[in-house]
C-alpha atoms as a PDB file:
ATOM      1  CA  GLN A   1     -85.929 -10.756  22.973  1.00  0.00           C
ATOM      2  CA  VAL A   2     -84.752  -8.372  25.680  1.00  0.00           C
ATOM      3  CA  GLN A   3     -87.157  -7.407  28.432  1.00  0.00           C
ATOM      4  CA  LEU A   4     -86.802  -4.721  31.077  1.00  0.00           C
ATOM      5  CA  VAL A   5     -89.014  -4.833  34.146  1.00  0.00           C
ATOM      6  CA  GLU A   6     -89.053  -1.893  36.535  1.00  0.00           C
ATOM      7  CA  SER A   7     -90.254  -1.822  40.116  1.00  0.00           C
ATOM      8  CA  GLY A   8     -90.191   0.479  43.109  1.00  0.00           C
ATOM      9  CA  GLY A   9     -92.257   3.421  41.962  1.00  0.00           C
ATOM     10  CA  GLY A  10     -95.005   4.974  44.043  1.00  0.00           C
ATOM     11  CA  LEU A  11     -95.716   7.839  46.395  1.00  0.00           C
ATOM     12  CA  ALA A  12     -93.153   9.596  48.546  1.00  0.00           C
ATOM     13  CA  GLN A  13     -92.975  12.691  50.694  1.00  0.00           C
ATOM     14  CA  VAL A  14     -90.475  15.487  50.174  1.00  0.00           C
ATOM     15  CA  GLY A  15     -87.177  14.534  51.738  1.00  0.00           C
ATOM     16  CA  GLU A  16     -87.833  10.809  51.692  1.00  0.00           C
ATOM     17  CA  SER A  17     -85.917   8.144  49.825  1.00  0.00           C
ATOM     18  CA  ARG A  18     -87.064   5.587  47.321  1.00  0.00           C
ATOM     19  CA  THR A  19     -85.239   2.957  45.281  1.00  0.00           C
ATOM     20  CA  LEU A  20     -86.144   1.883  41.767  1.00  0.00           C
ATOM     21  CA  SER A  21     -85.006  -1.412  40.338  1.00  0.00           C
ATOM     22  CA  CYS A  22     -84.843  -2.690  36.774  1.00  0.00           C
ATOM     23  CA  SER A  23     -84.210  -6.312  35.874  1.00  0.00           C
ATOM     24  CA  VAL A  24     -83.146  -7.261  32.377  1.00  0.00           C
ATOM     25  CA  SER A  25     -83.847 -10.666  30.890  1.00  0.00           C
ATOM     26  CA  GLY A  26     -83.441 -12.323  27.535  1.00  0.00           C
ATOM     27  CA  SER A  27     -80.685 -13.892  25.543  1.00  0.00           C
ATOM     28  CA  ASN A  28     -78.073 -13.093  22.918  1.00  0.00           C
ATOM     29  CA  PHE A  29     -77.134  -9.654  24.122  1.00  0.00           C
ATOM     30  CA  ILE A  30     -74.309  -7.919  25.926  1.00  0.00           C
ATOM     31  CA  ILE A  31     -75.122  -4.822  27.938  1.00  0.00           C
ATOM     32  CA  GLN A  32     -72.830  -1.818  27.594  1.00  0.00           C
ATOM     33  CA  VAL A  33     -74.831   0.842  29.440  1.00  0.00           C
ATOM     34  CA  MET A  34     -77.645   0.766  32.000  1.00  0.00           C
ATOM     35  CA  GLY A  35     -79.471   3.751  33.318  1.00  0.00           C
ATOM     36  CA  TRP A  36     -82.562   5.774  33.998  1.00  0.00           C
ATOM     37  CA  TYR A  37     -84.489   8.531  32.254  1.00  0.00           C
ATOM     38  CA  ARG A  38     -87.572  10.356  33.425  1.00  0.00           C
ATOM     39  CA  GLN A  39     -90.444  12.250  31.901  1.00  0.00           C
ATOM     40  CA  ALA A  40     -92.593  14.705  33.789  1.00  0.00           C
ATOM     41  CA  PRO A  41     -96.009  15.817  32.498  1.00  0.00           C
ATOM     42  CA  ALA A  42     -95.733  18.128  29.488  1.00  0.00           C
ATOM     43  CA  LYS A  43     -91.957  17.775  29.451  1.00  0.00           C
ATOM     44  CA  GLU A  44     -89.514  15.854  27.317  1.00  0.00           C
ATOM     45  CA  ARG A  45     -87.831  12.713  28.528  1.00  0.00           C
ATOM     46  CA  GLU A  46     -84.537  13.538  30.222  1.00  0.00           C
ATOM     47  CA  LEU A  47     -81.510  11.644  31.412  1.00  0.00           C
ATOM     48  CA  VAL A  48     -81.259  10.939  35.123  1.00  0.00           C
ATOM     49  CA  ALA A  49     -78.192   8.732  35.477  1.00  0.00           C
ATOM     50  CA  TYR A  50     -76.361   5.884  33.825  1.00  0.00           C
ATOM     51  CA  ILE A  51     -73.568   3.437  34.468  1.00  0.00           C
ATOM     52  CA  ILE A  52     -71.214   1.925  31.944  1.00  0.00           C
ATOM     53  CA  THR A  53     -70.881  -1.793  32.628  1.00  0.00           C
ATOM     54  CA  GLY A  54     -67.911  -2.192  34.908  1.00  0.00           C
ATOM     55  CA  GLY A  55     -67.166   1.474  34.553  1.00  0.00           C
ATOM     56  CA  PRO A  56     -68.062   4.949  35.736  1.00  0.00           C
ATOM     57  CA  THR A  57     -71.390   6.564  36.498  1.00  0.00           C
ATOM     58  CA  THR A  58     -72.851   9.788  35.155  1.00  0.00           C
ATOM     59  CA  TYR A  59     -75.548  11.946  36.726  1.00  0.00           C
ATOM     60  CA  ALA A  60     -77.662  14.835  35.542  1.00  0.00           C
ATOM     61  CA  ASP A  61     -76.921  18.004  37.503  1.00  0.00           C
ATOM     62  CA  TYR A  62     -80.417  18.080  39.008  1.00  0.00           C
ATOM     63  CA  VAL A  63     -79.937  14.723  40.759  1.00  0.00           C
ATOM     64  CA  LYS A  64     -76.220  14.787  41.460  1.00  0.00           C
ATOM     65  CA  ASP A  65     -75.417  14.230  45.145  1.00  0.00           C
ATOM     66  CA  ARG A  66     -78.967  12.955  45.763  1.00  0.00           C
ATOM     67  CA  PHE A  67     -79.373   9.904  43.507  1.00  0.00           C
ATOM     68  CA  ILE A  68     -77.146   6.854  43.209  1.00  0.00           C
ATOM     69  CA  VAL A  69     -77.189   4.461  40.254  1.00  0.00           C
ATOM     70  CA  SER A  70     -75.751   0.989  40.713  1.00  0.00           C
ATOM     71  CA  GLN A  71     -75.455  -2.290  38.866  1.00  0.00           C
ATOM     72  CA  ASP A  72     -75.498  -5.774  40.369  1.00  0.00           C
ATOM     73  CA  ASP A  73     -72.605  -8.190  40.000  1.00  0.00           C
ATOM     74  CA  GLY A  74     -74.472 -10.126  37.323  1.00  0.00           C
ATOM     75  CA  LYS A  75     -74.813  -6.892  35.316  1.00  0.00           C
ATOM     76  CA  THR A  76     -78.516  -7.575  34.690  1.00  0.00           C
ATOM     77  CA  THR A  77     -80.080  -5.332  37.313  1.00  0.00           C
ATOM     78  CA  VAL A  78     -79.744  -1.606  37.661  1.00  0.00           C
ATOM     79  CA  LYS A  79     -80.999   0.338  40.663  1.00  0.00           C
ATOM     80  CA  LEU A  80     -81.627   4.000  41.268  1.00  0.00           C
ATOM     81  CA  GLN A  81     -81.506   5.072  44.885  1.00  0.00           C
ATOM     82  CA  MET A  82     -83.283   8.397  45.161  1.00  0.00           C
ATOM     83  CA  ASN A  83     -82.602  10.410  48.297  1.00  0.00           C
ATOM     84  CA  SER A  84     -83.844  13.795  49.457  1.00  0.00           C
ATOM     85  CA  LEU A  85     -86.706  13.650  47.005  1.00  0.00           C
ATOM     86  CA  LYS A  86     -88.212  16.900  45.767  1.00  0.00           C
ATOM     87  CA  THR A  87     -91.587  17.601  44.229  1.00  0.00           C
ATOM     88  CA  GLU A  88     -89.817  18.304  40.931  1.00  0.00           C
ATOM     89  CA  ASP A  89     -88.633  14.688  40.895  1.00  0.00           C
ATOM     90  CA  THR A  90     -92.205  13.645  40.158  1.00  0.00           C
ATOM     91  CA  ALA A  91     -92.140  11.839  36.814  1.00  0.00           C
ATOM     92  CA  VAL A  92     -92.400   8.519  35.072  1.00  0.00           C
ATOM     93  CA  TYR A  93     -88.993   6.866  35.371  1.00  0.00           C
ATOM     94  CA  TYR A  94     -87.819   4.672  32.518  1.00  0.00           C
ATOM     95  CA  CYS A  95     -85.116   2.067  32.650  1.00  0.00           C
ATOM     96  CA  HIS A  96     -82.832   2.116  29.623  1.00  0.00           C
ATOM     97  CA  ILE A  97     -80.056  -0.122  28.398  1.00  0.00           C
ATOM     98  CA  GLN A  98     -77.788  -0.030  25.426  1.00  0.00           C
ATOM     99  CA  ALA A  99     -76.819  -3.519  24.367  1.00  0.00           C
ATOM    100  CA  THR A 100     -75.180  -5.406  21.534  1.00  0.00           C
ATOM    101  CA  ASP A 101     -77.224  -8.091  19.829  1.00  0.00           C
ATOM    102  CA  THR A 102     -74.789 -11.007  19.517  1.00  0.00           C
ATOM    103  CA  ASN A 103     -76.689 -12.363  16.507  1.00  0.00           C
ATOM    104  CA  ASN A 104     -75.666  -9.445  14.310  1.00  0.00           C
ATOM    105  CA  TYR A 105     -73.513  -7.270  16.637  1.00  0.00           C
ATOM    106  CA  TRP A 106     -75.770  -4.297  16.204  1.00  0.00           C
ATOM    107  CA  ARG A 107     -75.986  -1.971  19.195  1.00  0.00           C
ATOM    108  CA  LYS A 108     -79.557  -1.250  20.218  1.00  0.00           C
ATOM    109  CA  ASP A 109     -81.470   0.751  22.801  1.00  0.00           C
ATOM    110  CA  TYR A 110     -84.072  -0.926  24.968  1.00  0.00           C
ATOM    111  CA  TRP A 111     -86.602   0.685  27.275  1.00  0.00           C
ATOM    112  CA  GLY A 112     -88.784  -0.383  30.137  1.00  0.00           C
ATOM    113  CA  GLU A 113     -92.440   0.585  30.302  1.00  0.00           C
ATOM    114  CA  GLY A 114     -91.833   3.142  33.027  1.00  0.00           C
ATOM    115  CA  THR A 115     -92.755   3.458  36.674  1.00  0.00           C
ATOM    116  CA  GLN A 116     -94.464   6.470  38.213  1.00  0.00           C
ATOM    117  CA  VAL A 117     -92.811   8.315  41.083  1.00  0.00           C
ATOM    118  CA  THR A 118     -94.872  11.008  42.751  1.00  0.00           C
ATOM    119  CA  VAL A 119     -93.365  13.234  45.416  1.00  0.00           C
ATOM    120  CA  SER A 120     -95.726  15.327  47.504  1.00  0.00           C
ATOM    121  CA  SER A 121     -95.068  18.066  50.031  1.00  0.00           C
END
């Protein structure tokens, strides 16, 4: 069973920085992609950023040059450093991974429960 545990959400002021962290635990899986999505009230969930294990990163245009996604050396933790926060960054942020189950080699998507980030002016 794969588990994703997020931390780091909370309140921030416009212009401040905040870092989210997501730790992945479990067995019998190999992670290919780690990243973050977000969902604001009354809006659909949208991609924020992701990193291919050992490879490049991709950012949504609305966070490019402000947010940084990174992966630890053990490839089981993904962080999202959020700089120059704006009120429109207010959302529930979800950790996401795409991983291969080594029992059957099926690729699956896994999600964290989400962490609230609220940015006020």
